[in-house]
Amino acid sequence: MILYRSVNMVNDLKKQSIINELLAIGFDGDGAVSLYDMDYYELKRLLAVERIRRG
């Protein structure tokens, strides 16, 4: 149970870090889905796409 909580906490921290990075580069979502509703892998892909777009 402790391991499960630890993994969830780490994933939440990673997710928040990506959200912060997206907000820092000026991306605040596309209006359809909140950044906070996306999972880690969706956010990771979105960040990669935005980095490529913005050069």
PDB file of N, CA and C in Angstrom:
ATOM      1  N   MET A   1       0.821  -1.193   0.000  1.00  0.00           N
ATOM      2  CA  MET A   1       0.000   0.000   0.000  1.00  0.00           C
ATOM      3  C   MET A   1       0.864   1.255   0.000  1.00  0.00           C
ATOM      4  N   ILE A   2       1.951   1.238   0.758  1.00  0.00           N
ATOM      5  CA  ILE A   2       2.838   2.398   0.798  1.00  0.00           C
ATOM      6  C   ILE A   2       3.503   2.605  -0.556  1.00  0.00           C
ATOM      7  N   LEU A   3       3.895   1.517  -1.198  1.00  0.00           N
ATOM      8  CA  LEU A   3       4.515   1.611  -2.523  1.00  0.00           C
ATOM      9  C   LEU A   3       3.536   2.211  -3.523  1.00  0.00           C
ATOM     10  N   TYR A   4       2.291   1.780  -3.483  1.00  0.00           N
ATOM     11  CA  TYR A   4       1.262   2.299  -4.382  1.00  0.00           C
ATOM     12  C   TYR A   4       1.099   3.809  -4.200  1.00  0.00           C
ATOM     13  N   ARG A   5       1.031   4.253  -2.965  1.00  0.00           N
ATOM     14  CA  ARG A   5       0.896   5.690  -2.688  1.00  0.00           C
ATOM     15  C   ARG A   5       2.117   6.459  -3.172  1.00  0.00           C
ATOM     16  N   SER A   6       3.291   5.876  -2.962  1.00  0.00           N
ATOM     17  CA  SER A   6       4.527   6.530  -3.395  1.00  0.00           C
ATOM     18  C   SER A   6       4.566   6.689  -4.907  1.00  0.00           C
ATOM     19  N   VAL A   7       4.190   5.642  -5.618  1.00  0.00           N
ATOM     20  CA  VAL A   7       4.172   5.697  -7.085  1.00  0.00           C
ATOM     21  C   VAL A   7       3.173   6.736  -7.557  1.00  0.00           C
ATOM     22  N   ASN A   8       2.000   6.773  -6.955  1.00  0.00           N
ATOM     23  CA  ASN A   8       0.996   7.770  -7.332  1.00  0.00           C
ATOM     24  C   ASN A   8       1.485   9.185  -7.056  1.00  0.00           C
ATOM     25  N   MET A   9       2.168   9.366  -5.937  1.00  0.00           N
ATOM     26  CA  MET A   9       2.677  10.689  -5.595  1.00  0.00           C
ATOM     27  C   MET A   9       3.738  11.129  -6.603  1.00  0.00           C
ATOM     28  N   VAL A  10       4.624  10.220  -6.970  1.00  0.00           N
ATOM     29  CA  VAL A  10       5.662  10.539  -7.952  1.00  0.00           C
ATOM     30  C   VAL A  10       5.026  10.874  -9.295  1.00  0.00           C
ATOM     31  N   ASN A  11       4.035  10.100  -9.714  1.00  0.00           N
ATOM     32  CA  ASN A  11       3.361  10.381 -10.985  1.00  0.00           C
ATOM     33  C   ASN A  11       2.643  11.724 -10.949  1.00  0.00           C
ATOM     34  N   ASP A  12       2.040  12.066  -9.832  1.00  0.00           N
ATOM     35  CA  ASP A  12       1.381  13.369  -9.699  1.00  0.00           C
ATOM     36  C   ASP A  12       2.401  14.505  -9.782  1.00  0.00           C
ATOM     37  N   LEU A  13       3.565  14.302  -9.182  1.00  0.00           N
ATOM     38  CA  LEU A  13       4.613  15.329  -9.246  1.00  0.00           C
ATOM     39  C   LEU A  13       5.126  15.496 -10.673  1.00  0.00           C
ATOM     40  N   LYS A  14       5.303  14.397 -11.388  1.00  0.00           N
ATOM     41  CA  LYS A  14       5.750  14.467 -12.786  1.00  0.00           C
ATOM     42  C   LYS A  14       4.711  15.190 -13.633  1.00  0.00           C
ATOM     43  N   LYS A  15       3.457  14.842 -13.407  1.00  0.00           N
ATOM     44  CA  LYS A  15       2.362  15.454 -14.143  1.00  0.00           C
ATOM     45  C   LYS A  15       2.322  16.961 -13.889  1.00  0.00           C
ATOM     46  N   GLN A  16       2.443  17.366 -12.637  1.00  0.00           N
ATOM     47  CA  GLN A  16       2.426  18.784 -12.301  1.00  0.00           C
ATOM     48  C   GLN A  16       3.618  19.509 -12.904  1.00  0.00           C
ATOM     49  N   SER A  17       4.757  18.845 -12.952  1.00  0.00           N
ATOM     50  CA  SER A  17       5.957  19.437 -13.546  1.00  0.00           C
ATOM     51  C   SER A  17       5.742  19.719 -15.033  1.00  0.00           C
ATOM     52  N   ILE A  18       5.126  18.789 -15.735  1.00  0.00           N
ATOM     53  CA  ILE A  18       4.855  18.986 -17.163  1.00  0.00           C
ATOM     54  C   ILE A  18       3.842  20.110 -17.357  1.00  0.00           C
ATOM     55  N   ILE A  19       2.810  20.142 -16.525  1.00  0.00           N
ATOM     56  CA  ILE A  19       1.815  21.213 -16.619  1.00  0.00           C
ATOM     57  C   ILE A  19       2.490  22.565 -16.405  1.00  0.00           C
ATOM     58  N   ASN A  20       3.359  22.644 -15.404  1.00  0.00           N
ATOM     59  CA  ASN A  20       4.078  23.898 -15.146  1.00  0.00           C
ATOM     60  C   ASN A  20       4.936  24.298 -16.336  1.00  0.00           C
ATOM     61  N   GLU A  21       5.575  23.327 -16.960  1.00  0.00           N
ATOM     62  CA  GLU A  21       6.420  23.623 -18.126  1.00  0.00           C
ATOM     63  C   GLU A  21       5.581  24.104 -19.305  1.00  0.00           C
ATOM     64  N   LEU A  22       4.432  23.478 -19.523  1.00  0.00           N
ATOM     65  CA  LEU A  22       3.533  23.921 -20.592  1.00  0.00           C
ATOM     66  C   LEU A  22       3.056  25.350 -20.344  1.00  0.00           C
ATOM     67  N   LEU A  23       2.681  25.641 -19.112  1.00  0.00           N
ATOM     68  CA  LEU A  23       2.231  26.993 -18.784  1.00  0.00           C
ATOM     69  C   LEU A  23       3.359  28.007 -18.942  1.00  0.00           C
ATOM     70  N   ALA A  24       4.583  27.599 -18.614  1.00  0.00           N
ATOM     71  CA  ALA A  24       5.737  28.497 -18.720  1.00  0.00           C
ATOM     72  C   ALA A  24       6.044  28.872 -20.163  1.00  0.00           C
ATOM     73  N   ILE A  25       5.761  27.967 -21.103  1.00  0.00           N
ATOM     74  CA  ILE A  25       6.011  28.289 -22.519  1.00  0.00           C
ATOM     75  C   ILE A  25       4.805  28.961 -23.163  1.00  0.00           C
ATOM     76  N   GLY A  26       3.755  29.200 -22.368  1.00  0.00           N
ATOM     77  CA  GLY A  26       2.605  29.944 -22.871  1.00  0.00           C
ATOM     78  C   GLY A  26       1.457  29.096 -23.356  1.00  0.00           C
ATOM     79  N   PHE A  27       1.504  27.796 -23.161  1.00  0.00           N
ATOM     80  CA  PHE A  27       0.409  26.922 -23.578  1.00  0.00           C
ATOM     81  C   PHE A  27      -0.519  26.712 -22.405  1.00  0.00           C
ATOM     82  N   ASP A  28      -1.779  27.073 -22.582  1.00  0.00           N
ATOM     83  CA  ASP A  28      -2.733  26.905 -21.484  1.00  0.00           C
ATOM     84  C   ASP A  28      -3.893  25.999 -21.859  1.00  0.00           C
ATOM     85  N   GLY A  29      -3.704  25.197 -22.875  1.00  0.00           N
ATOM     86  CA  GLY A  29      -4.739  24.251 -23.295  1.00  0.00           C
ATOM     87  C   GLY A  29      -5.422  24.710 -24.559  1.00  0.00           C
ATOM     88  N   ASP A  30      -6.214  23.821 -25.099  1.00  0.00           N
ATOM     89  CA  ASP A  30      -6.930  24.147 -26.334  1.00  0.00           C
ATOM     90  C   ASP A  30      -8.412  24.387 -26.087  1.00  0.00           C
ATOM     91  N   GLY A  31      -8.799  24.384 -24.823  1.00  0.00           N
ATOM     92  CA  GLY A  31     -10.189  24.662 -24.482  1.00  0.00           C
ATOM     93  C   GLY A  31     -11.057  23.429 -24.407  1.00  0.00           C
ATOM     94  N   ALA A  32     -10.698  22.360 -25.110  1.00  0.00           N
ATOM     95  CA  ALA A  32     -11.516  21.153 -25.117  1.00  0.00           C
ATOM     96  C   ALA A  32     -11.321  20.332 -23.849  1.00  0.00           C
ATOM     97  N   VAL A  33     -10.075  20.180 -23.436  1.00  0.00           N
ATOM     98  CA  VAL A  33      -9.750  19.368 -22.266  1.00  0.00           C
ATOM     99  C   VAL A  33      -8.778  20.138 -21.386  1.00  0.00           C
ATOM    100  N   SER A  34      -9.048  20.157 -20.115  1.00  0.00           N
ATOM    101  CA  SER A  34      -8.163  20.829 -19.166  1.00  0.00           C
ATOM    102  C   SER A  34      -6.857  20.053 -19.055  1.00  0.00           C
ATOM    103  N   LEU A  35      -5.756  20.786 -18.907  1.00  0.00           N
ATOM    104  CA  LEU A  35      -4.470  20.131 -18.699  1.00  0.00           C
ATOM    105  C   LEU A  35      -4.516  19.243 -17.466  1.00  0.00           C
ATOM    106  N   TYR A  36      -5.257  19.652 -16.469  1.00  0.00           N
ATOM    107  CA  TYR A  36      -5.325  18.912 -15.212  1.00  0.00           C
ATOM    108  C   TYR A  36      -6.125  17.619 -15.325  1.00  0.00           C
ATOM    109  N   ASP A  37      -6.912  17.480 -16.399  1.00  0.00           N
ATOM    110  CA  ASP A  37      -7.684  16.252 -16.620  1.00  0.00           C
ATOM    111  C   ASP A  37      -6.922  15.224 -17.448  1.00  0.00           C
ATOM    112  N   MET A  38      -5.805  15.629 -18.036  1.00  0.00           N
ATOM    113  CA  MET A  38      -5.019  14.718 -18.863  1.00  0.00           C
ATOM    114  C   MET A  38      -4.137  13.840 -17.985  1.00  0.00           C
ATOM    115  N   ASP A  39      -3.804  12.660 -18.502  1.00  0.00           N
ATOM    116  CA  ASP A  39      -2.886  11.816 -17.747  1.00  0.00           C
ATOM    117  C   ASP A  39      -1.442  12.152 -18.131  1.00  0.00           C
ATOM    118  N   TYR A  40      -0.513  11.537 -17.428  1.00  0.00           N
ATOM    119  CA  TYR A  40       0.914  11.830 -17.597  1.00  0.00           C
ATOM    120  C   TYR A  40       1.367  11.650 -19.042  1.00  0.00           C
ATOM    121  N   TYR A  41       0.950  10.563 -19.674  1.00  0.00           N
ATOM    122  CA  TYR A  41       1.421  10.264 -21.031  1.00  0.00           C
ATOM    123  C   TYR A  41       0.853  11.228 -22.060  1.00  0.00           C
ATOM    124  N   GLU A  42      -0.394  11.657 -21.891  1.00  0.00           N
ATOM    125  CA  GLU A  42      -0.972  12.667 -22.776  1.00  0.00           C
ATOM    126  C   GLU A  42      -0.227  13.990 -22.636  1.00  0.00           C
ATOM    127  N   LEU A  43       0.061  14.365 -21.403  1.00  0.00           N
ATOM    128  CA  LEU A  43       0.781  15.617 -21.155  1.00  0.00           C
ATOM    129  C   LEU A  43       2.192  15.560 -21.719  1.00  0.00           C
ATOM    130  N   LYS A  44       2.847  14.418 -21.565  1.00  0.00           N
ATOM    131  CA  LYS A  44       4.203  14.252 -22.075  1.00  0.00           C
ATOM    132  C   LYS A  44       4.226  14.409 -23.603  1.00  0.00           C
ATOM    133  N   ARG A  45       3.248  13.810 -24.278  1.00  0.00           N
ATOM    134  CA  ARG A  45       3.146  13.931 -25.733  1.00  0.00           C
ATOM    135  C   ARG A  45       2.861  15.371 -26.135  1.00  0.00           C
ATOM    136  N   LEU A  46       1.949  16.015 -25.429  1.00  0.00           N
ATOM    137  CA  LEU A  46       1.599  17.399 -25.722  1.00  0.00           C
ATOM    138  C   LEU A  46       2.803  18.320 -25.557  1.00  0.00           C
ATOM    139  N   LEU A  47       3.584  18.118 -24.518  1.00  0.00           N
ATOM    140  CA  LEU A  47       4.777  18.923 -24.298  1.00  0.00           C
ATOM    141  C   LEU A  47       5.779  18.715 -25.433  1.00  0.00           C
ATOM    142  N   ALA A  48       5.955  17.484 -25.864  1.00  0.00           N
ATOM    143  CA  ALA A  48       6.879  17.206 -26.970  1.00  0.00           C
ATOM    144  C   ALA A  48       6.420  17.905 -28.245  1.00  0.00           C
ATOM    145  N   VAL A  49       5.139  17.854 -28.542  1.00  0.00           N
ATOM    146  CA  VAL A  49       4.592  18.511 -29.741  1.00  0.00           C
ATOM    147  C   VAL A  49       4.783  20.015 -29.649  1.00  0.00           C
ATOM    148  N   GLU A  50       4.520  20.594 -28.495  1.00  0.00           N
ATOM    149  CA  GLU A  50       4.672  22.043 -28.333  1.00  0.00           C
ATOM    150  C   GLU A  50       6.127  22.465 -28.435  1.00  0.00           C
ATOM    151  N   ARG A  51       7.025  21.660 -27.907  1.00  0.00           N
ATOM    152  CA  ARG A  51       8.456  21.985 -28.044  1.00  0.00           C
ATOM    153  C   ARG A  51       8.883  21.977 -29.505  1.00  0.00           C
ATOM    154  N   ILE A  52       8.387  21.004 -30.280  1.00  0.00           N
ATOM    155  CA  ILE A  52       8.718  20.947 -31.705  1.00  0.00           C
ATOM    156  C   ILE A  52       8.125  22.139 -32.438  1.00  0.00           C
ATOM    157  N   ARG A  53       6.870  22.457 -32.145  1.00  0.00           N
ATOM    158  CA  ARG A  53       6.193  23.587 -32.794  1.00  0.00           C
ATOM    159  C   ARG A  53       6.914  24.911 -32.553  1.00  0.00           C
ATOM    160  N   ARG A  54       7.363  25.095 -31.346  1.00  0.00           N
ATOM    161  CA  ARG A  54       7.951  26.376 -30.967  1.00  0.00           C
ATOM    162  C   ARG A  54       9.442  26.444 -31.225  1.00  0.00           C
ATOM    163  N   GLY A  55      10.008  25.312 -31.662  1.00  0.00           N
ATOM    164  CA  GLY A  55      11.424  25.282 -32.041  1.00  0.00           C
ATOM    165  C   GLY A  55      12.281  25.352 -30.904  1.00  0.00           C
TER     166      GLY A  55
END
